[in-house]
Amino acid sequence: MKTKALLIAAAAAELGTGLGLLVVPSFLSQLLLGEGLGSTVSALVGRVAGAALVSIGLACCFESAGRRAGSPKGLLVALLLYNAIVALLLTHGALYRGVHGLLLWPVVVVHVAFAIWCTASIRSEGGAAWLHESLVRPRRPT
């Protein structure tokens, strides 16, 4: 599994979305959720989310450009959790909260695809054993 390709794709997706939320949060919300952001506070929360996505995108970008050996297992696990949770939240919003938008289902599909890709990358690099080891026997400070 090509981890570098995953990180580059994730960087592009998160940087693009994050920059959109920073610059035009209400417009992006309208496209995704079918409703713009109606208050100054909600626009601020949208911009904070945009900053978080830019950070995730930059972490993926820098990791994909790194020259060190090994795989970024911690980053892959974080990306897996992020993508799975976002897909679940958006699906729940669509099915039970009446959320709808032009890009809602395509974005859900993209997040599910990224979650599957992350899972495959983690598994192909022995990450499942690493994750189990990290959770069951955490390192002790020296």
Protein backbone atom coordinates (compact mmCIF):
# COMPACT_ATOMS: atom_id res chain seq x y z
CA MET A 1 0.00 0.00 0.00
CA LYS A 2 1.40 3.39 -0.95
CA THR A 3 1.31 5.51 2.19
CA LYS A 4 2.87 8.50 0.45
CA ALA A 5 0.02 8.68 -2.07
CA LEU A 6 -2.51 8.52 0.78
CA LEU A 7 -0.79 11.35 2.62
CA ILE A 8 -0.62 13.51 -0.50
CA ALA A 9 -4.32 12.94 -1.25
CA ALA A 10 -5.28 13.66 2.37
CA ALA A 11 -3.11 16.79 2.36
CA ALA A 12 -4.83 18.10 -0.78
CA ALA A 13 -8.33 17.36 0.51
CA GLU A 14 -7.82 18.80 3.99
CA LEU A 15 -5.84 21.85 2.85
CA GLY A 16 -8.49 22.71 0.26
CA THR A 17 -11.39 22.27 2.65
CA GLY A 18 -9.57 24.04 5.48
CA LEU A 19 -8.69 27.05 3.35
CA GLY A 20 -12.29 27.19 2.12
CA LEU A 21 -13.58 27.22 5.69
CA LEU A 22 -11.10 29.92 6.67
CA VAL A 23 -12.05 32.20 3.77
CA VAL A 24 -15.74 31.46 3.03
CA PRO A 25 -17.10 29.29 5.87
CA SER A 26 -20.78 30.04 5.20
CA PHE A 27 -20.52 29.27 1.48
CA LEU A 28 -18.77 25.95 2.13
CA SER A 29 -21.35 25.08 4.79
CA GLN A 30 -24.12 25.83 2.27
CA LEU A 31 -22.53 23.47 -0.27
CA LEU A 32 -21.90 20.70 2.23
CA LEU A 33 -24.83 20.90 4.63
CA GLY A 34 -27.47 22.80 2.67
CA GLU A 35 -27.46 25.76 5.04
CA GLY A 36 -25.09 28.65 5.54
CA LEU A 37 -23.71 29.74 8.87
CA GLY A 38 -26.20 32.21 10.32
CA SER A 39 -24.25 33.85 13.11
CA THR A 40 -20.87 35.35 13.82
CA VAL A 41 -20.22 32.60 16.36
CA SER A 42 -20.97 29.78 13.91
CA ALA A 43 -18.73 31.42 11.29
CA LEU A 44 -15.96 31.62 13.90
CA VAL A 45 -16.40 27.92 14.74
CA GLY A 46 -16.26 27.17 11.00
CA ARG A 47 -13.00 29.10 10.70
CA VAL A 48 -11.55 27.27 13.72
CA ALA A 49 -12.46 23.98 12.03
CA GLY A 50 -10.77 25.31 8.90
CA ALA A 51 -7.59 26.00 10.86
CA ALA A 52 -7.68 22.44 12.23
CA LEU A 53 -8.05 21.01 8.73
CA VAL A 54 -5.19 23.14 7.44
CA SER A 55 -3.08 21.74 10.28
CA ILE A 56 -4.02 18.16 9.40
CA GLY A 57 -3.27 18.87 5.74
CA LEU A 58 0.13 20.36 6.54
CA ALA A 59 1.02 17.42 8.81
CA CYS A 60 0.21 15.04 5.95
CA CYS A 61 2.12 17.20 3.47
CA PHE A 62 5.26 17.41 5.62
CA GLU A 63 5.12 13.69 6.46
CA SER A 64 4.79 12.72 2.79
CA ALA A 65 7.83 14.85 1.94
CA GLY A 66 9.92 13.45 4.81
CA ARG A 67 13.00 11.38 4.13
CA ARG A 68 13.08 9.26 7.25
CA ALA A 69 12.59 5.52 7.12
CA GLY A 70 9.51 3.79 8.41
CA SER A 71 5.87 4.68 8.23
CA PRO A 72 3.91 7.41 9.97
CA LYS A 73 1.71 4.97 11.88
CA GLY A 74 0.51 7.46 14.48
CA LEU A 75 -0.57 9.90 11.79
CA LEU A 76 -2.33 7.11 9.88
CA VAL A 77 -4.29 6.07 12.97
CA ALA A 78 -5.26 9.70 13.62
CA LEU A 79 -6.38 10.08 9.98
CA LEU A 80 -8.38 6.86 10.22
CA LEU A 81 -10.23 8.05 13.31
CA TYR A 82 -10.83 11.52 11.86
CA ASN A 83 -12.24 10.18 8.59
CA ALA A 84 -14.41 7.53 10.24
CA ILE A 85 -15.88 10.00 12.74
CA VAL A 86 -16.57 12.66 10.10
CA ALA A 87 -18.29 10.09 7.86
CA LEU A 88 -20.44 8.93 10.79
CA LEU A 89 -21.33 12.48 11.87
CA LEU A 90 -22.31 13.55 8.36
CA THR A 91 -24.32 10.37 7.76
CA HIS A 92 -26.12 10.80 11.09
CA GLY A 93 -26.86 14.42 10.23
CA ALA A 94 -28.31 13.41 6.86
CA LEU A 95 -30.39 10.50 8.12
CA TYR A 96 -31.64 11.83 11.45
CA ARG A 97 -31.22 15.62 11.50
CA GLY A 98 -32.39 16.67 8.05
CA VAL A 99 -28.98 17.92 6.95
CA HIS A 100 -28.65 18.05 3.19
CA GLY A 101 -26.37 19.72 0.73
CA LEU A 102 -25.11 19.34 -2.79
CA LEU A 103 -21.77 17.91 -1.63
CA LEU A 104 -22.91 15.99 1.46
CA TRP A 105 -22.97 12.43 0.09
CA PRO A 106 -19.89 12.83 -2.11
CA VAL A 107 -17.99 14.08 0.97
CA VAL A 108 -19.25 11.11 3.02
CA VAL A 109 -18.00 8.76 0.29
CA VAL A 110 -14.60 10.49 0.22
CA HIS A 111 -14.23 10.19 4.01
CA VAL A 112 -15.22 6.51 3.93
CA ALA A 113 -12.72 5.92 1.12
CA PHE A 114 -9.97 7.67 3.10
CA ALA A 115 -10.84 5.59 6.19
CA ILE A 116 -10.58 2.38 4.17
CA TRP A 117 -7.31 3.56 2.60
CA CYS A 118 -5.89 4.40 6.03
CA THR A 119 -6.92 0.98 7.35
CA ALA A 120 -5.25 -0.76 4.42
CA SER A 121 -2.07 1.30 4.86
CA ILE A 122 -1.93 0.58 8.58
CA ARG A 123 -2.45 -3.14 8.00
CA SER A 124 0.06 -3.41 5.16
CA GLU A 125 2.78 -1.86 7.27
CA GLY A 126 2.21 -4.02 10.32
CA GLY A 127 0.40 -1.18 11.99
CA ALA A 128 -2.28 -3.36 13.57
CA ALA A 129 0.35 -5.08 15.72
CA TRP A 130 1.99 -1.72 16.46
CA LEU A 131 -1.34 -0.21 17.51
CA HIS A 132 -2.17 -3.18 19.73
CA GLU A 133 1.28 -3.01 21.32
CA SER A 134 0.96 0.75 21.87
CA LEU A 135 -2.45 0.44 23.52
CA VAL A 136 -1.80 -2.67 25.58
CA ARG A 137 1.74 -1.91 26.72
CA PRO A 138 2.43 1.81 26.52
CA ARG A 139 6.03 2.86 26.81
CA ARG A 140 7.23 3.89 30.21
CA PRO A 141 9.11 7.16 30.55
CA THR A 142 12.84 6.74 30.92
